[in-house]
Amino acid sequence: MVGRIASLAALLLAVCGCTGTGEAAEEDAGTRQARETVRQLPEVLAGAGSSLVATAMEMTSGGTRVTIRGEGGYDFVTRSGELRVTLPLEIPAGAVPPVTEVFTPGALYMKNRGAGVPADKWVRVDVTTLTDGNLVANGATDPLLAAELLRGVVSVRELPELELNGEWVRHLRGVTDLVVAAREASGPAGEQLVAALAGFADPVVPFDAYLGADGLPRKIRHQFSLGSERGPAGVDVASTVEFSGFGTPVTVYLPVPEDLYTGAVG
């Protein structure tokens, strides 16, 4: 965890089978279909091209609860995106301007991150070196990585449809396994999930996925429980990514080498 966002994170861290085999078989087939639907969400997003995204990282420890929010866009083909991440005003660091985060395969760039870094400079982080694979470390989960994590789904059930942002959506709830997801994901996403295995005491992660009639996700929510390997027990982190405006053009600009900060980061 790094910068002002890391400081905050560090603070929070101090149906019955009696109706016959025909129905049971149908239920099994439905479960398999739902599981496959969840596993294929990374490909579904790539097919959509791009979207607007909004993230929320809610951290709860004891009686303290804070939420870090981000807004921006993501290109699922190039696996890159940009968010402006804002800290809550309830904490002293929340009064500063938003942190700009640029996601790329294998790396995260941050501007206005504090911790002694000049405001006009960017910091580059190799996300595979972070102990949680950057799932929660910097206040926002990479939107595509949130979907990649679902490749490890081990159980899922379909709940009644509900209304989300004025639209009726399909609601799938289950658990995914980081070990399986890391094995099934490829390239930098797989490397990030392998890194995450070292940061969470329990690799099983509950999730909720909300899908529109077109099969595209409208919201993905993961519930992480951080154990003693990351700090005091009893710290819960709910990470949510919302998707909208599919097909909206998203252009991501990487900082030029001279704009990168190469000094020590506090």
C-alpha atoms as a PDB file:
ATOM      1  CA  MET A   1       0.000   0.000   0.000  1.00  0.00           C
ATOM      2  CA  VAL A   2       1.330   3.387  -0.950  1.00  0.00           C
ATOM      3  CA  GLY A   3       0.737   7.092  -0.471  1.00  0.00           C
ATOM      4  CA  ARG A   4      -2.215   8.775   1.179  1.00  0.00           C
ATOM      5  CA  ILE A   5      -4.572   5.953   0.204  1.00  0.00           C
ATOM      6  CA  ALA A   6      -2.164   3.458   1.713  1.00  0.00           C
ATOM      7  CA  SER A   7      -2.013   5.488   4.912  1.00  0.00           C
ATOM      8  CA  LEU A   8      -5.750   5.153   5.286  1.00  0.00           C
ATOM      9  CA  ALA A   9      -5.619   1.447   4.553  1.00  0.00           C
ATOM     10  CA  ALA A  10      -2.827   0.989   7.061  1.00  0.00           C
ATOM     11  CA  LEU A  11      -4.918   2.741   9.702  1.00  0.00           C
ATOM     12  CA  LEU A  12      -7.844   0.487   9.123  1.00  0.00           C
ATOM     13  CA  LEU A  13      -5.662  -2.574   9.136  1.00  0.00           C
ATOM     14  CA  ALA A  14      -3.795  -1.195  12.907  1.00  0.00           C
ATOM     15  CA  VAL A  15     -33.852 -25.978  -3.203  1.00  0.00           C
ATOM     16  CA  CYS A  16     -34.544 -29.511  -1.931  1.00  0.00           C
ATOM     17  CA  GLY A  17     -34.074 -32.635  -4.131  1.00  0.00           C
ATOM     18  CA  CYS A  18     -37.467 -34.267  -3.379  1.00  0.00           C
ATOM     19  CA  THR A  19     -39.335 -33.334  -6.582  1.00  0.00           C
ATOM     20  CA  GLY A  20     -37.712 -35.828  -8.924  1.00  0.00           C
ATOM     21  CA  THR A  21     -34.520 -36.289 -10.911  1.00  0.00           C
ATOM     22  CA  GLY A  22     -35.781 -34.209 -13.833  1.00  0.00           C
ATOM     23  CA  GLU A  23     -35.947 -31.032 -11.753  1.00  0.00           C
ATOM     24  CA  ALA A  24     -32.649 -31.769 -10.011  1.00  0.00           C
ATOM     25  CA  ALA A  25     -30.924 -32.214 -13.364  1.00  0.00           C
ATOM     26  CA  GLU A  26     -32.452 -28.955 -14.590  1.00  0.00           C
ATOM     27  CA  GLU A  27     -31.160 -27.157 -11.507  1.00  0.00           C
ATOM     28  CA  ASP A  28     -27.695 -28.582 -12.048  1.00  0.00           C
ATOM     29  CA  ALA A  29     -27.710 -27.441 -15.655  1.00  0.00           C
ATOM     30  CA  GLY A  30     -28.826 -23.973 -14.574  1.00  0.00           C
ATOM     31  CA  THR A  31     -26.029 -23.791 -12.031  1.00  0.00           C
ATOM     32  CA  ARG A  32     -23.465 -24.846 -14.597  1.00  0.00           C
ATOM     33  CA  GLN A  33     -24.772 -22.217 -17.008  1.00  0.00           C
ATOM     34  CA  ALA A  34     -24.585 -19.513 -14.344  1.00  0.00           C
ATOM     35  CA  ARG A  35     -21.033 -20.536 -13.430  1.00  0.00           C
ATOM     36  CA  GLU A  36     -19.936 -20.407 -17.057  1.00  0.00           C
ATOM     37  CA  THR A  37     -21.613 -17.014 -17.491  1.00  0.00           C
ATOM     38  CA  VAL A  38     -19.574 -15.623 -14.623  1.00  0.00           C
ATOM     39  CA  ARG A  39     -16.323 -17.157 -15.850  1.00  0.00           C
ATOM     40  CA  GLN A  40     -16.752 -15.629 -19.298  1.00  0.00           C
ATOM     41  CA  LEU A  41     -17.237 -12.039 -18.115  1.00  0.00           C
ATOM     42  CA  PRO A  42     -13.680 -10.968 -19.067  1.00  0.00           C
ATOM     43  CA  GLU A  43     -14.347 -12.036 -22.660  1.00  0.00           C
ATOM     44  CA  VAL A  44     -17.768 -10.378 -22.604  1.00  0.00           C
ATOM     45  CA  LEU A  45     -16.181  -7.109 -21.518  1.00  0.00           C
ATOM     46  CA  ALA A  46     -13.512  -7.375 -24.207  1.00  0.00           C
ATOM     47  CA  GLY A  47     -16.289  -7.830 -26.752  1.00  0.00           C
ATOM     48  CA  ALA A  48     -17.913  -4.609 -25.551  1.00  0.00           C
ATOM     49  CA  GLY A  49     -14.664  -2.744 -26.122  1.00  0.00           C
ATOM     50  CA  SER A  50     -14.819  -0.087 -23.425  1.00  0.00           C
ATOM     51  CA  SER A  51     -17.038   1.579 -20.845  1.00  0.00           C
ATOM     52  CA  LEU A  52     -17.300   4.202 -18.169  1.00  0.00           C
ATOM     53  CA  VAL A  53     -16.514   2.837 -14.713  1.00  0.00           C
ATOM     54  CA  ALA A  54     -17.117   3.870 -11.130  1.00  0.00           C
ATOM     55  CA  THR A  55     -15.390   2.193  -8.205  1.00  0.00           C
ATOM     56  CA  ALA A  56     -15.977   2.132  -4.468  1.00  0.00           C
ATOM     57  CA  MET A  57     -13.672   0.653  -1.848  1.00  0.00           C
ATOM     58  CA  GLU A  58     -15.397   0.416   1.525  1.00  0.00           C
ATOM     59  CA  MET A  59     -13.156  -0.487   4.444  1.00  0.00           C
ATOM     60  CA  THR A  60     -14.573  -1.436   7.823  1.00  0.00           C
ATOM     61  CA  SER A  61     -12.658  -2.074  11.020  1.00  0.00           C
ATOM     62  CA  GLY A  62     -14.409  -2.084  14.373  1.00  0.00           C
ATOM     63  CA  GLY A  63     -16.660   0.947  14.387  1.00  0.00           C
ATOM     64  CA  THR A  64     -14.771   2.749  11.617  1.00  0.00           C
ATOM     65  CA  ARG A  65     -16.019   2.721   8.036  1.00  0.00           C
ATOM     66  CA  VAL A  66     -14.711   4.793   5.144  1.00  0.00           C
ATOM     67  CA  THR A  67     -15.319   4.642   1.404  1.00  0.00           C
ATOM     68  CA  ILE A  68     -12.839   5.603  -1.306  1.00  0.00           C
ATOM     69  CA  ARG A  69     -14.476   6.355  -4.682  1.00  0.00           C
ATOM     70  CA  GLY A  70     -13.189   6.549  -8.230  1.00  0.00           C
ATOM     71  CA  GLU A  71     -14.588   7.525 -11.629  1.00  0.00           C
ATOM     72  CA  GLY A  72     -13.211   7.157 -15.133  1.00  0.00           C
ATOM     73  CA  GLY A  73     -13.109   4.922 -18.184  1.00  0.00           C
ATOM     74  CA  TYR A  74     -11.600   1.590 -19.203  1.00  0.00           C
ATOM     75  CA  ASP A  75     -10.594  -0.043 -22.491  1.00  0.00           C
ATOM     76  CA  PHE A  76     -11.048  -3.806 -22.080  1.00  0.00           C
ATOM     77  CA  VAL A  77      -9.213  -4.619 -25.301  1.00  0.00           C
ATOM     78  CA  THR A  78      -5.971  -2.857 -24.382  1.00  0.00           C
ATOM     79  CA  ARG A  79      -6.551  -3.640 -20.687  1.00  0.00           C
ATOM     80  CA  SER A  80      -5.937  -0.031 -19.725  1.00  0.00           C
ATOM     81  CA  GLY A  81      -7.943   2.704 -18.071  1.00  0.00           C
ATOM     82  CA  GLU A  82      -7.872   5.840 -15.985  1.00  0.00           C
ATOM     83  CA  LEU A  83      -9.595   6.736 -12.719  1.00  0.00           C
ATOM     84  CA  ARG A  84      -9.715   9.793 -10.506  1.00  0.00           C
ATOM     85  CA  VAL A  85      -9.778   8.421  -6.987  1.00  0.00           C
ATOM     86  CA  THR A  86     -11.135  10.591  -4.176  1.00  0.00           C
ATOM     87  CA  LEU A  87     -10.625  10.089  -0.471  1.00  0.00           C
ATOM     88  CA  PRO A  88     -13.557  10.775   1.872  1.00  0.00           C
ATOM     89  CA  LEU A  89     -13.667  14.200   3.495  1.00  0.00           C
ATOM     90  CA  GLU A  90     -14.088  12.618   6.935  1.00  0.00           C
ATOM     91  CA  ILE A  91     -10.346  11.993   7.135  1.00  0.00           C
ATOM     92  CA  PRO A  92      -7.605  14.659   6.983  1.00  0.00           C
ATOM     93  CA  ALA A  93      -6.137  13.345   3.705  1.00  0.00           C
ATOM     94  CA  GLY A  94      -9.552  13.585   2.070  1.00  0.00           C
ATOM     95  CA  ALA A  95      -9.261  17.347   1.638  1.00  0.00           C
ATOM     96  CA  VAL A  96      -6.594  17.016  -1.066  1.00  0.00           C
ATOM     97  CA  PRO A  97      -7.228  16.770  -4.830  1.00  0.00           C
ATOM     98  CA  PRO A  98      -8.084  13.357  -6.299  1.00  0.00           C
ATOM     99  CA  VAL A  99      -5.348  10.893  -7.158  1.00  0.00           C
ATOM    100  CA  THR A 100      -5.162  10.048 -10.871  1.00  0.00           C
ATOM    101  CA  GLU A 101      -4.585   6.324 -11.414  1.00  0.00           C
ATOM    102  CA  VAL A 102      -3.740   4.876 -14.829  1.00  0.00           C
ATOM    103  CA  PHE A 103      -4.073   1.115 -15.163  1.00  0.00           C
ATOM    104  CA  THR A 104      -1.988  -0.771 -17.720  1.00  0.00           C
ATOM    105  CA  PRO A 105      -1.070  -4.460 -18.041  1.00  0.00           C
ATOM    106  CA  GLY A 106       1.339  -5.116 -15.178  1.00  0.00           C
ATOM    107  CA  ALA A 107       1.748  -1.514 -14.042  1.00  0.00           C
ATOM    108  CA  LEU A 108      -0.099   1.284 -12.255  1.00  0.00           C
ATOM    109  CA  TYR A 109       0.746   4.974 -12.668  1.00  0.00           C
ATOM    110  CA  MET A 110      -0.325   7.495 -10.026  1.00  0.00           C
ATOM    111  CA  LYS A 111      -0.253  11.273  -9.975  1.00  0.00           C
ATOM    112  CA  ASN A 112      -0.879  13.588  -7.014  1.00  0.00           C
ATOM    113  CA  ARG A 113      -0.280  10.699  -4.645  1.00  0.00           C
ATOM    114  CA  GLY A 114       1.462  12.689  -1.934  1.00  0.00           C
ATOM    115  CA  ALA A 115       4.108  11.053   0.296  1.00  0.00           C
ATOM    116  CA  GLY A 116       6.774  13.495  -0.849  1.00  0.00           C
ATOM    117  CA  VAL A 117       6.174  13.052  -4.572  1.00  0.00           C
ATOM    118  CA  PRO A 118       5.969  16.387  -6.460  1.00  0.00           C
ATOM    119  CA  ALA A 119       2.448  17.170  -7.627  1.00  0.00           C
ATOM    120  CA  ASP A 120       3.481  17.267 -11.282  1.00  0.00           C
ATOM    121  CA  LYS A 121       5.206  13.865 -11.204  1.00  0.00           C
ATOM    122  CA  TRP A 122       3.929  10.335 -11.704  1.00  0.00           C
ATOM    123  CA  VAL A 123       4.857   7.214  -9.775  1.00  0.00           C
ATOM    124  CA  ARG A 124       5.021   3.859 -11.558  1.00  0.00           C
ATOM    125  CA  VAL A 125       4.239   0.719  -9.567  1.00  0.00           C
ATOM    126  CA  ASP A 126       4.829  -2.840 -10.746  1.00  0.00           C
ATOM    127  CA  VAL A 127       1.556  -4.326  -9.509  1.00  0.00           C
ATOM    128  CA  THR A 128       2.983  -7.846  -9.393  1.00  0.00           C
ATOM    129  CA  THR A 129       5.229  -6.686  -6.546  1.00  0.00           C
ATOM    130  CA  LEU A 130       2.288  -5.638  -4.362  1.00  0.00           C
ATOM    131  CA  THR A 131       1.320  -8.249  -1.785  1.00  0.00           C
ATOM    132  CA  ASP A 132      -2.358  -8.099  -2.781  1.00  0.00           C
ATOM    133  CA  GLY A 133      -1.838  -7.833  -6.552  1.00  0.00           C
ATOM    134  CA  ASN A 134      -3.367  -4.347  -6.311  1.00  0.00           C
ATOM    135  CA  LEU A 135      -6.833  -5.717  -5.565  1.00  0.00           C
ATOM    136  CA  VAL A 136      -7.307  -3.259  -2.703  1.00  0.00           C
ATOM    137  CA  ALA A 137      -3.932  -1.588  -2.069  1.00  0.00           C
ATOM    138  CA  ASN A 138      -4.489   1.704  -3.872  1.00  0.00           C
ATOM    139  CA  GLY A 139      -8.148   2.379  -3.225  1.00  0.00           C
ATOM    140  CA  ALA A 140      -9.611   0.956  -6.448  1.00  0.00           C
ATOM    141  CA  THR A 141      -9.686  -2.503  -8.010  1.00  0.00           C
ATOM    142  CA  ASP A 142      -8.650  -2.637 -11.666  1.00  0.00           C
ATOM    143  CA  PRO A 143     -12.080  -3.035 -13.355  1.00  0.00           C
ATOM    144  CA  LEU A 144     -10.940  -5.842 -15.661  1.00  0.00           C
ATOM    145  CA  LEU A 145      -9.109  -7.608 -12.832  1.00  0.00           C
ATOM    146  CA  ALA A 146     -12.407  -7.632 -10.910  1.00  0.00           C
ATOM    147  CA  ALA A 147     -13.842  -9.717 -13.757  1.00  0.00           C
ATOM    148  CA  GLU A 148     -10.707 -11.858 -14.104  1.00  0.00           C
ATOM    149  CA  LEU A 149     -11.028 -12.813 -10.448  1.00  0.00           C
ATOM    150  CA  LEU A 150     -14.371 -14.437 -11.287  1.00  0.00           C
ATOM    151  CA  ARG A 151     -12.611 -17.046 -13.449  1.00  0.00           C
ATOM    152  CA  GLY A 152     -12.111 -18.892 -10.192  1.00  0.00           C
ATOM    153  CA  VAL A 153     -15.839 -19.208  -9.386  1.00  0.00           C
ATOM    154  CA  VAL A 154     -16.438 -22.399  -7.424  1.00  0.00           C
ATOM    155  CA  SER A 155     -20.097 -21.930  -6.540  1.00  0.00           C
ATOM    156  CA  VAL A 156     -22.860 -19.606  -7.672  1.00  0.00           C
ATOM    157  CA  ARG A 157     -26.608 -19.246  -7.282  1.00  0.00           C
ATOM    158  CA  GLU A 158     -29.108 -17.058  -9.045  1.00  0.00           C
ATOM    159  CA  LEU A 159     -31.133 -14.650  -6.931  1.00  0.00           C
ATOM    160  CA  PRO A 160     -34.290 -12.785  -7.992  1.00  0.00           C
ATOM    161  CA  GLU A 161     -33.849  -9.983 -10.486  1.00  0.00           C
ATOM    162  CA  LEU A 162     -33.618  -6.509  -9.017  1.00  0.00           C
ATOM    163  CA  GLU A 163     -33.618  -2.929 -10.197  1.00  0.00           C
ATOM    164  CA  LEU A 164     -30.252  -1.215 -10.451  1.00  0.00           C
ATOM    165  CA  ASN A 165     -29.937   2.366 -11.663  1.00  0.00           C
ATOM    166  CA  GLY A 166     -33.362   2.186 -13.328  1.00  0.00           C
ATOM    167  CA  GLU A 167     -32.712  -1.150 -15.058  1.00  0.00           C
ATOM    168  CA  TRP A 168     -33.765  -4.687 -14.158  1.00  0.00           C
ATOM    169  CA  VAL A 169     -30.689  -6.881 -13.836  1.00  0.00           C
ATOM    170  CA  ARG A 170     -29.832 -10.512 -13.252  1.00  0.00           C
ATOM    171  CA  HIS A 171     -28.238 -11.136  -9.832  1.00  0.00           C
ATOM    172  CA  LEU A 172     -25.654 -13.893  -9.384  1.00  0.00           C
ATOM    173  CA  ARG A 173     -24.054 -14.529  -5.999  1.00  0.00           C
ATOM    174  CA  GLY A 174     -21.281 -16.955  -5.203  1.00  0.00           C
ATOM    175  CA  VAL A 175     -17.683 -17.425  -4.143  1.00  0.00           C
ATOM    176  CA  THR A 176     -14.524 -17.423  -6.219  1.00  0.00           C
ATOM    177  CA  ASP A 177     -11.141 -18.924  -5.418  1.00  0.00           C
ATOM    178  CA  LEU A 178      -7.989 -16.869  -5.943  1.00  0.00           C
ATOM    179  CA  VAL A 179      -5.946 -20.016  -6.550  1.00  0.00           C
ATOM    180  CA  VAL A 180      -8.199 -21.132  -9.404  1.00  0.00           C
ATOM    181  CA  ALA A 181      -8.501 -17.614 -10.814  1.00  0.00           C
ATOM    182  CA  ALA A 182      -4.727 -17.182 -10.884  1.00  0.00           C
ATOM    183  CA  ARG A 183      -4.394 -20.463 -12.771  1.00  0.00           C
ATOM    184  CA  GLU A 184      -7.148 -19.646 -15.295  1.00  0.00           C
ATOM    185  CA  ALA A 185      -6.200 -16.020 -15.998  1.00  0.00           C
ATOM    186  CA  SER A 186      -3.401 -15.339 -18.459  1.00  0.00           C
ATOM    187  CA  GLY A 187      -0.658 -12.770 -18.845  1.00  0.00           C
ATOM    188  CA  PRO A 188      -0.350  -9.850 -16.410  1.00  0.00           C
ATOM    189  CA  ALA A 189      -3.769 -10.574 -14.878  1.00  0.00           C
ATOM    190  CA  GLY A 190      -2.621 -14.044 -13.888  1.00  0.00           C
ATOM    191  CA  GLU A 191       0.599 -12.637 -12.432  1.00  0.00           C
ATOM    192  CA  GLN A 192      -1.361 -10.108 -10.365  1.00  0.00           C
ATOM    193  CA  LEU A 193      -3.639 -12.794  -8.970  1.00  0.00           C
ATOM    194  CA  VAL A 194      -0.629 -14.970  -8.128  1.00  0.00           C
ATOM    195  CA  ALA A 195       0.775 -12.013  -6.195  1.00  0.00           C
ATOM    196  CA  ALA A 196      -2.555 -11.621  -4.400  1.00  0.00           C
ATOM    197  CA  LEU A 197      -2.257 -15.161  -3.051  1.00  0.00           C
ATOM    198  CA  ALA A 198       0.526 -13.954  -0.780  1.00  0.00           C
ATOM    199  CA  GLY A 199      -1.560 -11.143   0.673  1.00  0.00           C
ATOM    200  CA  PHE A 200      -4.803 -12.783   1.755  1.00  0.00           C
ATOM    201  CA  ALA A 201      -5.062 -15.395   4.468  1.00  0.00           C
ATOM    202  CA  ASP A 202      -8.210 -16.844   2.829  1.00  0.00           C
ATOM    203  CA  PRO A 203      -8.225 -17.287  -0.957  1.00  0.00           C
ATOM    204  CA  VAL A 204     -12.022 -17.730  -1.067  1.00  0.00           C
ATOM    205  CA  VAL A 205     -13.754 -14.448  -1.949  1.00  0.00           C
ATOM    206  CA  PRO A 206     -17.549 -13.906  -1.919  1.00  0.00           C
ATOM    207  CA  PHE A 207     -18.938 -11.948  -4.869  1.00  0.00           C
ATOM    208  CA  ASP A 208     -22.095 -10.508  -6.378  1.00  0.00           C
ATOM    209  CA  ALA A 209     -22.430  -9.944 -10.126  1.00  0.00           C
ATOM    210  CA  TYR A 210     -25.277  -7.961 -11.680  1.00  0.00           C
ATOM    211  CA  LEU A 211     -25.840  -8.483 -15.424  1.00  0.00           C
ATOM    212  CA  GLY A 212     -28.016  -6.609 -17.885  1.00  0.00           C
ATOM    213  CA  ALA A 213     -30.278  -8.233 -20.469  1.00  0.00           C
ATOM    214  CA  ASP A 214     -27.398  -7.973 -22.961  1.00  0.00           C
ATOM    215  CA  GLY A 215     -25.200 -10.137 -20.717  1.00  0.00           C
ATOM    216  CA  LEU A 216     -22.850  -7.274 -19.867  1.00  0.00           C
ATOM    217  CA  PRO A 217     -22.043  -6.676 -16.203  1.00  0.00           C
ATOM    218  CA  ARG A 218     -23.508  -3.594 -14.603  1.00  0.00           C
ATOM    219  CA  LYS A 219     -21.824  -4.143 -11.251  1.00  0.00           C
ATOM    220  CA  ILE A 220     -19.313  -6.561  -9.705  1.00  0.00           C
ATOM    221  CA  ARG A 221     -18.760  -6.613  -5.953  1.00  0.00           C
ATOM    222  CA  HIS A 222     -16.121  -8.572  -4.044  1.00  0.00           C
ATOM    223  CA  GLN A 223     -15.961  -8.967  -0.267  1.00  0.00           C
ATOM    224  CA  PHE A 224     -12.407  -9.354   1.004  1.00  0.00           C
ATOM    225  CA  SER A 225     -11.554 -10.284   4.579  1.00  0.00           C
ATOM    226  CA  LEU A 226      -8.043  -9.360   5.598  1.00  0.00           C
ATOM    227  CA  GLY A 227      -6.404 -11.634   8.138  1.00  0.00           C
ATOM    228  CA  SER A 228      -3.325 -11.488  10.302  1.00  0.00           C
ATOM    229  CA  GLU A 229      -0.972 -11.670   7.319  1.00  0.00           C
ATOM    230  CA  ARG A 230      -2.045  -8.146   6.324  1.00  0.00           C
ATOM    231  CA  GLY A 231      -2.715  -6.693   9.741  1.00  0.00           C
ATOM    232  CA  PRO A 232      -5.179  -7.088  12.606  1.00  0.00           C
ATOM    233  CA  ALA A 233      -7.976  -9.553  12.045  1.00  0.00           C
ATOM    234  CA  GLY A 234     -11.500  -8.261  11.534  1.00  0.00           C
ATOM    235  CA  VAL A 235     -10.853  -5.860   8.659  1.00  0.00           C
ATOM    236  CA  ASP A 236     -13.412  -6.158   5.843  1.00  0.00           C
ATOM    237  CA  VAL A 237     -13.010  -4.567   2.430  1.00  0.00           C
ATOM    238  CA  ALA A 238     -15.900  -4.412  -0.036  1.00  0.00           C
ATOM    239  CA  SER A 239     -14.710  -3.530  -3.534  1.00  0.00           C
ATOM    240  CA  THR A 240     -17.327  -2.541  -6.116  1.00  0.00           C
ATOM    241  CA  VAL A 241     -16.970  -1.718  -9.796  1.00  0.00           C
ATOM    242  CA  GLU A 242     -19.933  -0.335 -11.764  1.00  0.00           C
ATOM    243  CA  PHE A 243     -19.989  -0.334 -15.566  1.00  0.00           C
ATOM    244  CA  SER A 244     -22.007   1.988 -17.829  1.00  0.00           C
ATOM    245  CA  GLY A 245     -21.841   3.648 -21.222  1.00  0.00           C
ATOM    246  CA  PHE A 246     -20.458   0.618 -23.024  1.00  0.00           C
ATOM    247  CA  GLY A 247     -18.677   1.582 -26.213  1.00  0.00           C
ATOM    248  CA  THR A 248     -17.720   5.042 -24.962  1.00  0.00           C
ATOM    249  CA  PRO A 249     -14.293   5.829 -26.461  1.00  0.00           C
ATOM    250  CA  VAL A 250     -11.569   5.681 -23.826  1.00  0.00           C
ATOM    251  CA  THR A 251      -8.109   7.063 -24.529  1.00  0.00           C
ATOM    252  CA  VAL A 252      -5.359   6.435 -22.009  1.00  0.00           C
ATOM    253  CA  TYR A 253      -2.202   8.526 -22.068  1.00  0.00           C
ATOM    254  CA  LEU A 254       0.890   7.161 -20.341  1.00  0.00           C
ATOM    255  CA  PRO A 255       3.294   9.631 -18.728  1.00  0.00           C
ATOM    256  CA  VAL A 256       6.504  10.273 -20.628  1.00  0.00           C
ATOM    257  CA  PRO A 257       9.736   9.134 -18.923  1.00  0.00           C
ATOM    258  CA  GLU A 258      10.723  12.651 -17.829  1.00  0.00           C
ATOM    259  CA  ASP A 259       7.442  12.972 -15.899  1.00  0.00           C
ATOM    260  CA  LEU A 260       8.148   9.878 -13.793  1.00  0.00           C
ATOM    261  CA  TYR A 261       9.365  10.339 -10.230  1.00  0.00           C
ATOM    262  CA  THR A 262      12.432   8.231  -9.551  1.00  0.00           C
ATOM    263  CA  GLY A 263      13.180   9.283  -6.003  1.00  0.00           C
ATOM    264  CA  ALA A 264      12.308   7.547  -2.756  1.00  0.00           C
ATOM    265  CA  VAL A 265       8.606   7.295  -1.986  1.00  0.00           C
ATOM    266  CA  GLY A 266       7.470   7.684   1.595  1.00  0.00           C
END
